[in-house]
Amino acid sequence: MRDGNRIVVSGTTATHAHDHDIAPGNARAQTTYILDKIAATLTALGAGLEDVIRTRTYLTGEEDAEAVSRAHCRVFGTYPPTNTTYVVGKLVGDFRVEIEAEALVADTGET
């Protein structure tokens, strides 16, 4: 959703448009896929990954934290956005990772 200069991409999981789960059980691969989906959403809304100021990551297991962090850093590069990671009991579906993103872009007056 875009409102002025703010874009919010809510809970994104590693599922294909046809309800096909991507990389079951592989948190790092799921993270990469999710961040690619977020990037595509941002592009459609006139922004890019460089505009992301915050992400929130939800994991089903603490053991995935390092792999997910590495994938996050690979996608965002040298200056990643702030990130908060939560370990939760379960996510909807059979996912190990879910990510939200917030971005700020130049205000074009469009919604």
Protein backbone atom coordinates (compact mmCIF):
# COMPACT_ATOMS: atom_id res chain seq x y z
CA MET A 1 0.00 0.00 0.00
CA ARG A 2 1.27 3.49 -0.82
CA ASP A 3 0.02 6.61 0.91
CA GLY A 4 1.91 9.68 -0.24
CA ASN A 5 5.58 9.03 0.42
CA ARG A 6 5.04 6.00 2.67
CA ILE A 7 4.85 2.42 1.42
CA VAL A 8 3.97 -0.51 3.64
CA VAL A 9 4.36 -4.09 2.45
CA SER A 10 2.69 -6.33 4.98
CA GLY A 11 3.37 -9.93 5.90
CA THR A 12 5.04 -11.47 2.87
CA THR A 13 5.73 -15.19 2.71
CA ALA A 14 7.43 -17.52 0.25
CA THR A 15 4.41 -18.47 -1.79
CA HIS A 16 3.91 -18.22 -5.52
CA ALA A 17 0.87 -16.47 -6.98
CA HIS A 18 -0.68 -19.88 -7.62
CA ASP A 19 -0.48 -20.80 -3.90
CA HIS A 20 2.65 -22.89 -4.35
CA ASP A 21 5.05 -22.77 -1.38
CA ILE A 22 8.65 -21.94 -2.29
CA ALA A 23 11.58 -23.77 -0.65
CA PRO A 24 9.70 -25.57 2.14
CA GLY A 25 11.89 -25.87 5.24
CA ASN A 26 14.67 -23.62 3.85
CA ALA A 27 14.60 -20.29 5.72
CA ARG A 28 17.42 -18.69 3.73
CA ALA A 29 15.84 -19.50 0.36
CA GLN A 30 12.44 -18.35 1.64
CA THR A 31 13.99 -15.05 2.79
CA THR A 32 15.58 -14.41 -0.60
CA TYR A 33 12.31 -15.18 -2.38
CA ILE A 34 10.33 -12.96 0.01
CA LEU A 35 12.70 -10.02 -0.43
CA ASP A 36 12.50 -10.43 -4.21
CA LYS A 37 8.68 -10.28 -3.92
CA ILE A 38 8.96 -7.17 -1.76
CA ALA A 39 11.31 -5.58 -4.31
CA ALA A 40 8.79 -6.27 -7.10
CA THR A 41 5.98 -4.74 -5.04
CA LEU A 42 8.07 -1.66 -4.33
CA THR A 43 8.92 -1.28 -8.01
CA ALA A 44 5.22 -1.46 -8.90
CA LEU A 45 4.62 1.36 -6.41
CA GLY A 46 7.44 3.58 -7.71
CA ALA A 47 10.13 2.66 -5.17
CA GLY A 48 13.04 0.28 -4.68
CA LEU A 49 14.88 -1.62 -1.99
CA GLU A 50 17.04 1.47 -1.39
CA ASP A 51 13.92 3.22 -0.10
CA VAL A 52 13.24 0.63 2.61
CA ILE A 53 13.78 2.08 6.07
CA ARG A 54 12.58 -0.83 8.21
CA THR A 55 11.83 -4.51 8.02
CA ARG A 56 10.24 -6.85 10.52
CA THR A 57 11.11 -10.51 10.27
CA TYR A 58 9.14 -13.32 11.86
CA LEU A 59 10.81 -16.72 12.27
CA THR A 60 9.42 -20.00 13.53
CA GLY A 61 12.81 -21.02 14.93
CA GLU A 62 15.77 -19.17 16.40
CA GLU A 63 18.12 -21.57 14.60
CA ASP A 64 17.21 -19.80 11.32
CA ALA A 65 18.25 -16.32 12.51
CA GLU A 66 21.79 -16.37 11.10
CA ALA A 67 20.80 -17.73 7.67
CA VAL A 68 17.96 -15.21 7.39
CA SER A 69 20.23 -12.34 8.49
CA ARG A 70 22.82 -13.29 5.84
CA ALA A 71 20.16 -13.36 3.11
CA HIS A 72 18.77 -10.01 4.34
CA CYS A 73 22.26 -8.44 4.20
CA ARG A 74 22.96 -9.91 0.76
CA VAL A 75 19.80 -8.36 -0.67
CA PHE A 76 20.12 -4.96 1.02
CA GLY A 77 23.91 -4.61 0.78
CA THR A 78 26.17 -2.37 2.82
CA TYR A 79 23.48 -0.18 4.39
CA PRO A 80 20.50 -2.37 5.24
CA PRO A 81 17.38 -0.90 6.81
CA THR A 82 16.70 -1.31 10.49
CA ASN A 83 15.29 -4.74 11.23
CA THR A 84 13.53 -6.35 14.15
CA THR A 85 13.40 -10.13 14.27
CA TYR A 86 10.79 -12.05 16.23
CA VAL A 87 10.71 -15.75 16.94
CA VAL A 88 7.08 -16.85 16.95
CA GLY A 89 5.52 -20.22 17.64
CA LYS A 90 3.97 -20.63 14.20
CA LEU A 91 3.20 -18.69 11.06
CA VAL A 92 0.06 -19.17 8.99
CA GLY A 93 0.88 -21.93 6.53
CA ASP A 94 4.03 -24.04 6.50
CA PHE A 95 6.48 -21.15 6.39
CA ARG A 96 9.64 -20.57 8.39
CA VAL A 97 9.86 -16.83 7.55
CA GLU A 98 7.54 -13.87 7.06
CA ILE A 99 8.75 -10.31 6.40
CA GLU A 100 7.15 -6.86 6.45
CA ALA A 101 8.79 -3.75 4.97
CA GLU A 102 8.32 0.01 5.21
CA ALA A 103 9.72 2.45 2.67
CA LEU A 104 9.84 6.22 2.29
CA VAL A 105 10.02 7.80 -1.16
CA ALA A 106 9.69 11.27 -2.66
CA ASP A 107 6.06 12.36 -2.37
CA THR A 108 4.49 12.58 -5.82
CA GLY A 109 1.05 13.42 -4.50
CA GLU A 110 -0.27 10.06 -5.72
CA THR A 111 -1.84 7.45 -3.51
